[in-house]
Amino acid sequence: MTETQIATVEVPFEALVKELGAKRAIKFLSEIRRKYGDSVVELRRATENLTIEQIEKEIRLLKKEEKV
């Protein structure tokens, strides 16, 4: 059985840039802020139960829709 990892908001910006590129990382963060607000507390609450798999799925969807 695979252990599910819970996502946190402490992902360094550099990691996003490495995976998405600078332009897409900025668009991704903008989308998160627009969707969940600019508050770290609000973002933590909104994402505290998301798994890495769910975040990856959302990123793939946004890429497919060319939103990031």
N, C-alpha and C. Protein backbone atom coordinates (compact mmCIF):
# COMPACT_ATOMS: atom_id res chain seq x y z
N MET A 1 0.84 -1.17 0.00
CA MET A 1 0.00 0.00 0.00
C MET A 1 0.90 1.25 0.00
N THR A 2 0.56 2.22 -0.83
CA THR A 2 1.32 3.46 -0.92
C THR A 2 0.83 4.45 0.12
N GLU A 3 1.76 5.08 0.80
CA GLU A 3 1.41 6.08 1.79
C GLU A 3 1.05 7.38 1.07
N THR A 4 -0.09 7.98 1.39
CA THR A 4 -0.51 9.23 0.78
C THR A 4 0.16 10.38 1.50
N GLN A 5 0.74 11.28 0.72
CA GLN A 5 1.38 12.46 1.30
C GLN A 5 0.39 13.61 1.29
N ILE A 6 0.37 14.37 2.37
CA ILE A 6 -0.47 15.55 2.46
C ILE A 6 0.36 16.75 2.00
N ALA A 7 -0.23 17.57 1.15
CA ALA A 7 0.48 18.73 0.61
C ALA A 7 0.54 19.85 1.63
N THR A 8 1.61 20.63 1.55
CA THR A 8 1.72 21.82 2.37
C THR A 8 2.04 23.00 1.46
N VAL A 9 1.88 24.21 1.98
CA VAL A 9 2.15 25.40 1.18
C VAL A 9 3.61 25.82 1.25
N GLU A 10 4.45 25.04 1.91
CA GLU A 10 5.85 25.40 2.06
C GLU A 10 6.72 24.99 0.87
N VAL A 11 6.11 24.71 -0.27
CA VAL A 11 6.87 24.37 -1.47
C VAL A 11 7.62 25.60 -1.93
N PRO A 12 8.94 25.50 -2.05
CA PRO A 12 9.72 26.66 -2.48
C PRO A 12 9.34 27.07 -3.90
N PHE A 13 9.36 28.37 -4.13
CA PHE A 13 9.06 28.89 -5.46
C PHE A 13 10.01 28.29 -6.49
N GLU A 14 11.26 28.06 -6.09
CA GLU A 14 12.24 27.49 -7.01
C GLU A 14 11.80 26.12 -7.52
N ALA A 15 11.13 25.35 -6.66
CA ALA A 15 10.65 24.03 -7.08
C ALA A 15 9.56 24.16 -8.13
N LEU A 16 8.68 25.15 -7.96
CA LEU A 16 7.65 25.38 -8.96
C LEU A 16 8.28 25.81 -10.29
N VAL A 17 9.27 26.69 -10.21
CA VAL A 17 9.95 27.16 -11.42
C VAL A 17 10.62 25.99 -12.13
N LYS A 18 11.24 25.12 -11.37
CA LYS A 18 11.92 23.96 -11.96
C LYS A 18 10.93 23.07 -12.70
N GLU A 19 9.77 22.86 -12.11
CA GLU A 19 8.79 21.96 -12.71
C GLU A 19 7.96 22.62 -13.81
N LEU A 20 7.62 23.89 -13.63
CA LEU A 20 6.69 24.54 -14.55
C LEU A 20 7.34 25.59 -15.45
N GLY A 21 8.52 26.05 -15.08
CA GLY A 21 9.10 27.21 -15.75
C GLY A 21 8.62 28.46 -15.05
N ALA A 22 9.37 29.55 -15.16
CA ALA A 22 9.07 30.78 -14.42
C ALA A 22 7.69 31.34 -14.75
N LYS A 23 7.40 31.46 -16.03
CA LYS A 23 6.12 32.05 -16.45
C LYS A 23 4.93 31.24 -15.95
N ARG A 24 5.00 29.91 -16.10
CA ARG A 24 3.90 29.07 -15.66
C ARG A 24 3.78 29.02 -14.14
N ALA A 25 4.92 29.09 -13.43
CA ALA A 25 4.88 29.10 -11.97
C ALA A 25 4.16 30.35 -11.47
N ILE A 26 4.45 31.48 -12.09
CA ILE A 26 3.78 32.73 -11.70
C ILE A 26 2.29 32.65 -12.00
N LYS A 27 1.94 32.10 -13.16
CA LYS A 27 0.52 31.93 -13.49
C LYS A 27 -0.16 31.00 -12.50
N PHE A 28 0.53 29.92 -12.13
CA PHE A 28 -0.02 28.96 -11.17
C PHE A 28 -0.31 29.65 -9.83
N LEU A 29 0.67 30.40 -9.32
CA LEU A 29 0.47 31.10 -8.05
C LEU A 29 -0.63 32.14 -8.15
N SER A 30 -0.71 32.82 -9.28
CA SER A 30 -1.78 33.80 -9.49
C SER A 30 -3.14 33.13 -9.44
N GLU A 31 -3.24 31.96 -10.07
CA GLU A 31 -4.49 31.20 -10.07
C GLU A 31 -4.87 30.77 -8.65
N ILE A 32 -3.90 30.29 -7.89
CA ILE A 32 -4.15 29.90 -6.51
C ILE A 32 -4.63 31.09 -5.69
N ARG A 33 -3.96 32.21 -5.85
CA ARG A 33 -4.36 33.41 -5.09
C ARG A 33 -5.75 33.88 -5.48
N ARG A 34 -6.05 33.82 -6.77
CA ARG A 34 -7.38 34.25 -7.22
C ARG A 34 -8.45 33.30 -6.68
N LYS A 35 -8.13 32.01 -6.67
CA LYS A 35 -9.09 31.00 -6.24
C LYS A 35 -9.27 30.96 -4.73
N TYR A 36 -8.17 31.12 -3.98
CA TYR A 36 -8.22 30.95 -2.53
C TYR A 36 -7.95 32.21 -1.74
N GLY A 37 -7.61 33.30 -2.37
CA GLY A 37 -7.27 34.52 -1.65
C GLY A 37 -5.77 34.62 -1.43
N ASP A 38 -5.33 35.74 -0.91
CA ASP A 38 -3.90 36.00 -0.77
C ASP A 38 -3.37 35.64 0.61
N SER A 39 -4.23 35.27 1.52
CA SER A 39 -3.81 34.99 2.89
C SER A 39 -3.21 33.58 3.01
N VAL A 40 -2.06 33.50 3.63
CA VAL A 40 -1.41 32.20 3.86
C VAL A 40 -2.31 31.32 4.71
N VAL A 41 -2.95 31.90 5.68
CA VAL A 41 -3.83 31.13 6.56
C VAL A 41 -4.99 30.55 5.76
N GLU A 42 -5.60 31.37 4.91
CA GLU A 42 -6.70 30.88 4.08
C GLU A 42 -6.23 29.79 3.13
N LEU A 43 -5.06 29.97 2.54
CA LEU A 43 -4.52 28.98 1.62
C LEU A 43 -4.22 27.67 2.34
N ARG A 44 -3.66 27.77 3.52
CA ARG A 44 -3.38 26.56 4.30
C ARG A 44 -4.66 25.80 4.61
N ARG A 45 -5.68 26.54 5.02
CA ARG A 45 -6.97 25.90 5.31
C ARG A 45 -7.55 25.25 4.06
N ALA A 46 -7.45 25.95 2.94
CA ALA A 46 -8.03 25.46 1.69
C ALA A 46 -7.28 24.25 1.14
N THR A 47 -6.00 24.12 1.46
CA THR A 47 -5.19 23.05 0.87
C THR A 47 -4.72 22.01 1.87
N GLU A 48 -5.07 22.15 3.14
CA GLU A 48 -4.52 21.26 4.16
C GLU A 48 -4.85 19.79 3.95
N ASN A 49 -5.93 19.48 3.28
CA ASN A 49 -6.30 18.09 3.07
C ASN A 49 -6.01 17.58 1.66
N LEU A 50 -5.40 18.43 0.83
CA LEU A 50 -5.06 17.99 -0.52
C LEU A 50 -3.85 17.07 -0.48
N THR A 51 -3.89 16.07 -1.31
CA THR A 51 -2.73 15.19 -1.45
C THR A 51 -1.87 15.68 -2.60
N ILE A 52 -0.64 15.21 -2.64
CA ILE A 52 0.26 15.52 -3.75
C ILE A 52 -0.39 15.08 -5.06
N GLU A 53 -1.02 13.93 -5.04
CA GLU A 53 -1.67 13.40 -6.24
C GLU A 53 -2.77 14.35 -6.74
N GLN A 54 -3.55 14.92 -5.82
CA GLN A 54 -4.61 15.84 -6.21
C GLN A 54 -4.03 17.12 -6.82
N ILE A 55 -2.96 17.61 -6.24
CA ILE A 55 -2.31 18.81 -6.77
C ILE A 55 -1.74 18.53 -8.16
N GLU A 56 -1.09 17.38 -8.32
CA GLU A 56 -0.54 17.02 -9.63
C GLU A 56 -1.66 16.91 -10.67
N LYS A 57 -2.78 16.33 -10.28
CA LYS A 57 -3.93 16.20 -11.19
C LYS A 57 -4.42 17.59 -11.62
N GLU A 58 -4.52 18.51 -10.67
CA GLU A 58 -4.97 19.87 -10.97
C GLU A 58 -3.99 20.58 -11.90
N ILE A 59 -2.69 20.40 -11.67
CA ILE A 59 -1.68 21.01 -12.53
C ILE A 59 -1.78 20.45 -13.95
N ARG A 60 -1.94 19.12 -14.06
CA ARG A 60 -2.08 18.51 -15.39
C ARG A 60 -3.30 19.05 -16.12
N LEU A 61 -4.41 19.22 -15.39
CA LEU A 61 -5.64 19.77 -15.98
C LEU A 61 -5.41 21.19 -16.46
N LEU A 62 -4.76 22.01 -15.62
CA LEU A 62 -4.51 23.40 -16.00
C LEU A 62 -3.57 23.47 -17.21
N LYS A 63 -2.59 22.58 -17.27
CA LYS A 63 -1.69 22.53 -18.43
C LYS A 63 -2.48 22.15 -19.69
N LYS A 64 -3.35 21.16 -19.56
CA LYS A 64 -4.14 20.71 -20.70
C LYS A 64 -5.03 21.85 -21.21
N GLU A 65 -5.57 22.63 -20.29
CA GLU A 65 -6.42 23.77 -20.66
C GLU A 65 -5.60 25.02 -21.00
N GLU A 66 -4.26 24.85 -20.98
CA GLU A 66 -3.30 25.93 -21.26
C GLU A 66 -3.54 27.15 -20.38
N LYS A 67 -3.85 26.91 -19.12
CA LYS A 67 -4.00 27.99 -18.14
C LYS A 67 -2.72 28.23 -17.36
N VAL A 68 -1.79 27.30 -17.44
CA VAL A 68 -0.45 27.47 -16.86
C VAL A 68 0.58 26.98 -17.84
